[in-house]
Amino acid sequence: MASSSNVILVTGGTGLVGKAIKHIVETEPEGSRFGKLPGEKWVFASSSEGDLRDPAQTRALYEKYKPTHVIHLAALVGGLFKNMKYKASR
C-alpha cells in the first residue's frame, strides 16, 4: 500500500509510452486498478529537465523530486532511418 510520501518519477515522461501512462494515471479513478493510489505523486520528466547521461543533472533531478520509485522510459528515439544510420554508435 502506498504511503503519502510515495513519489513515482517517470523518465521519458513526454514520450509515447510516458504519455500513455500519464493519461491512464490521470483519468482512472484514484485507488482503482490502474489509477494512482491515494497520496501518490506522479512526476513525468522530460529531457529538458535533465540529461540523464550527465551525473550532475541526474542527481539534481533526483534531489528535486526525491522519488521513491522510478519508471525509466528515457531513450534516444529517432525512427527507422535514424536507427539505420546510427546502428550502435551511442
Protein backbone atom coordinates (compact mmCIF):
# COMPACT_ATOMS: atom_id res chain seq x y z
CA MET A 1 0.00 0.00 0.00
CA ALA A 2 1.31 3.43 -0.89
CA SER A 3 2.04 5.97 1.76
CA SER A 4 1.52 9.69 1.29
CA SER A 5 5.24 10.08 0.63
CA ASN A 6 5.43 7.88 -2.49
CA VAL A 7 6.74 9.77 -5.49
CA ILE A 8 6.89 7.97 -8.82
CA LEU A 9 9.32 9.56 -11.28
CA VAL A 10 8.78 8.60 -14.91
CA THR A 11 11.81 9.41 -17.05
CA GLY A 12 10.93 9.87 -20.69
CA GLY A 13 7.58 11.04 -19.42
CA THR A 14 6.79 13.06 -22.54
CA GLY A 15 7.48 10.21 -24.97
CA LEU A 16 4.91 7.84 -26.45
CA VAL A 17 4.82 5.35 -23.57
CA GLY A 18 5.22 8.03 -20.89
CA LYS A 19 2.25 9.99 -22.27
CA ALA A 20 0.15 6.82 -22.35
CA ILE A 21 0.94 6.05 -18.71
CA LYS A 22 0.24 9.66 -17.75
CA HIS A 23 -3.15 9.51 -19.47
CA ILE A 24 -4.11 6.35 -17.57
CA VAL A 25 -2.85 7.64 -14.21
CA GLU A 26 -4.73 10.92 -14.66
CA THR A 27 -8.01 9.52 -16.00
CA GLU A 28 -8.54 6.36 -13.97
CA PRO A 29 -10.27 6.81 -10.61
CA GLU A 30 -7.89 7.09 -7.66
CA GLY A 31 -7.46 3.73 -5.98
CA SER A 32 -8.75 1.77 -8.97
CA ARG A 33 -6.73 -0.99 -10.61
CA PHE A 34 -4.87 1.42 -12.92
CA GLY A 35 -5.37 4.69 -11.07
CA LYS A 36 -2.86 6.20 -8.71
CA LEU A 37 -3.06 5.24 -5.08
CA PRO A 38 -4.21 7.78 -2.52
CA GLY A 39 -1.36 10.15 -1.69
CA GLU A 40 0.86 9.15 -4.59
CA LYS A 41 2.58 11.84 -6.62
CA TRP A 42 3.49 11.05 -10.23
CA VAL A 43 6.15 13.13 -12.00
CA PHE A 44 6.58 12.81 -15.77
CA ALA A 45 10.04 14.23 -16.54
CA SER A 46 11.36 15.11 -19.97
CA SER A 47 14.92 15.51 -21.20
CA SER A 48 14.52 19.28 -20.87
CA GLU A 49 14.52 18.82 -17.08
CA GLY A 50 17.82 17.00 -17.10
CA ASP A 51 20.12 14.98 -19.33
CA LEU A 52 20.30 11.55 -17.68
CA ARG A 53 23.67 10.94 -19.35
CA ASP A 54 25.08 13.68 -17.10
CA PRO A 55 25.53 12.53 -13.48
CA ALA A 56 25.14 16.07 -12.06
CA GLN A 57 21.90 16.70 -13.94
CA THR A 58 20.58 13.27 -12.94
CA ARG A 59 21.43 13.95 -9.29
CA ALA A 60 19.69 17.34 -9.49
CA LEU A 61 16.55 15.71 -10.92
CA TYR A 62 16.51 13.16 -8.09
CA GLU A 63 17.11 15.85 -5.47
CA LYS A 64 14.29 17.97 -6.92
CA TYR A 65 11.64 15.23 -6.83
CA LYS A 66 13.05 12.76 -4.27
CA PRO A 67 11.41 9.75 -5.94
CA THR A 68 10.64 6.57 -4.04
CA HIS A 69 10.07 4.73 -7.34
CA VAL A 70 11.39 5.27 -10.88
CA ILE A 71 9.94 4.06 -14.16
CA HIS A 72 12.79 4.54 -16.61
CA LEU A 73 11.49 5.13 -20.14
CA ALA A 74 14.03 7.67 -21.37
CA ALA A 75 15.56 6.71 -24.69
CA LEU A 76 17.23 8.13 -27.76
CA VAL A 77 14.46 7.90 -30.35
CA GLY A 78 14.66 8.91 -33.96
CA GLY A 79 12.68 6.48 -36.04
CA LEU A 80 13.69 3.87 -38.56
CA PHE A 81 16.12 5.93 -40.65
CA LYS A 82 17.98 7.38 -37.67
CA ASN A 83 18.29 3.88 -36.20
CA MET A 84 19.67 2.61 -39.51
CA LYS A 85 22.18 5.48 -39.74
CA TYR A 86 23.41 5.25 -36.10
CA LYS A 87 23.18 1.48 -35.56
CA ALA A 88 25.19 1.17 -32.36
CA SER A 89 27.07 4.42 -32.14
CA ARG A 90 25.57 5.63 -28.86
